Amino acid sequence: MGDEGLSPYSWSNGPHDIYAAHSHSYNKVIYVVQGSITFGLPELGTQLSLKAGDRLDLPAGVVHDAVVGSQGVICLEAHKA
């Protein structure tokens, strides 16, 4: 992320935590460091299951929800212009 000029911060959640559908006004980059999380993209009718080492580039305005996996999750996140 540093090579891309991003300044990540870390966040984590416990097993099976849920984020309701929402969107952001900024572009988001997420790297899963440990555990897993599944992002739902309800407007596209798809889900993306991410595990350690996976990256998600989420454009501003995209509605998404999430469910944390059975082992919890630790992610690095940064916002892009």
Protein backbone atom coordinates (compact mmCIF):
# COMPACT_ATOMS: atom_id res chain seq x y z
CA MET A 1 0.00 0.00 0.00
CA GLY A 2 2.90 2.30 0.73
CA ASP A 3 4.16 1.84 -2.84
CA GLU A 4 0.82 3.25 -4.00
CA GLY A 5 1.10 6.30 -1.74
CA LEU A 6 -1.63 5.02 0.58
CA SER A 7 -1.67 5.43 4.36
CA PRO A 8 -3.43 2.36 5.74
CA TYR A 9 -4.89 1.84 9.17
CA SER A 10 -5.87 -1.42 10.81
CA TRP A 11 -9.30 -2.58 11.95
CA SER A 12 -10.70 -5.87 13.16
CA ASN A 13 -13.95 -7.58 14.02
CA GLY A 14 -14.96 -10.69 15.91
CA PRO A 15 -16.48 -13.81 14.38
CA HIS A 16 -19.76 -13.38 12.51
CA ASP A 17 -19.98 -9.59 13.00
CA ILE A 18 -22.27 -7.98 10.44
CA TYR A 19 -22.17 -4.64 8.64
CA ALA A 20 -25.51 -3.52 7.18
CA ALA A 21 -25.65 -2.22 3.60
CA HIS A 22 -24.06 1.23 3.23
CA SER A 23 -21.78 3.24 0.94
CA HIS A 24 -18.94 5.74 1.29
CA SER A 25 -18.10 9.00 -0.46
CA TYR A 26 -14.49 7.87 -1.01
CA ASN A 27 -12.67 5.04 -2.77
CA LYS A 28 -11.56 2.34 -0.37
CA VAL A 29 -8.76 -0.25 -0.54
CA ILE A 30 -8.98 -3.18 1.88
CA TYR A 31 -6.37 -5.90 2.46
CA VAL A 32 -7.32 -8.87 4.61
CA VAL A 33 -4.38 -9.63 6.92
CA GLN A 34 -5.93 -12.44 8.96
CA GLY A 35 -9.24 -14.31 8.97
CA SER A 36 -11.98 -13.74 6.41
CA ILE A 37 -14.87 -11.49 5.47
CA THR A 38 -17.56 -11.65 2.80
CA PHE A 39 -18.67 -8.43 1.15
CA GLY A 40 -22.09 -8.33 -0.46
CA LEU A 41 -22.75 -6.01 -3.37
CA PRO A 42 -26.56 -6.01 -3.37
CA GLU A 43 -26.98 -3.71 -6.37
CA LEU A 44 -24.86 -6.12 -8.44
CA GLY A 45 -26.27 -9.27 -6.86
CA THR A 46 -22.81 -10.62 -6.01
CA GLN A 47 -20.69 -11.54 -3.01
CA LEU A 48 -16.92 -11.44 -2.63
CA SER A 49 -15.35 -13.76 -0.05
CA LEU A 50 -11.93 -12.51 1.03
CA LYS A 51 -9.28 -14.31 3.06
CA ALA A 52 -5.79 -13.39 4.25
CA GLY A 53 -3.80 -11.89 1.38
CA ASP A 54 -6.83 -10.76 -0.64
CA ARG A 55 -7.48 -7.16 -1.68
CA LEU A 56 -10.71 -5.32 -2.43
CA ASP A 57 -10.82 -1.99 -4.29
CA LEU A 58 -14.24 -0.50 -3.53
CA PRO A 59 -15.22 2.59 -5.53
CA ALA A 60 -17.02 5.50 -3.88
CA GLY A 61 -20.79 5.16 -3.84
CA VAL A 62 -20.92 1.36 -4.19
CA VAL A 63 -23.47 -0.07 -1.75
CA HIS A 64 -21.98 -2.97 0.20
CA ASP A 65 -22.56 -5.04 3.31
CA ALA A 66 -20.28 -7.51 5.06
CA VAL A 67 -20.24 -10.60 7.24
CA VAL A 68 -17.08 -11.54 9.13
CA GLY A 69 -15.95 -15.18 8.99
CA SER A 70 -15.85 -17.69 11.83
CA GLN A 71 -12.29 -16.75 12.87
CA GLY A 72 -12.83 -12.98 12.88
CA VAL A 73 -10.92 -10.63 10.60
CA ILE A 74 -8.04 -8.15 10.67
CA CYS A 75 -7.77 -5.74 7.73
CA LEU A 76 -5.67 -2.85 6.53
CA GLU A 77 -7.69 -0.08 4.92
CA ALA A 78 -6.78 3.08 3.05
CA HIS A 79 -8.77 5.72 1.19
CA LYS A 80 -7.90 6.79 -2.35
CA ALA A 81 -8.69 10.08 -4.04
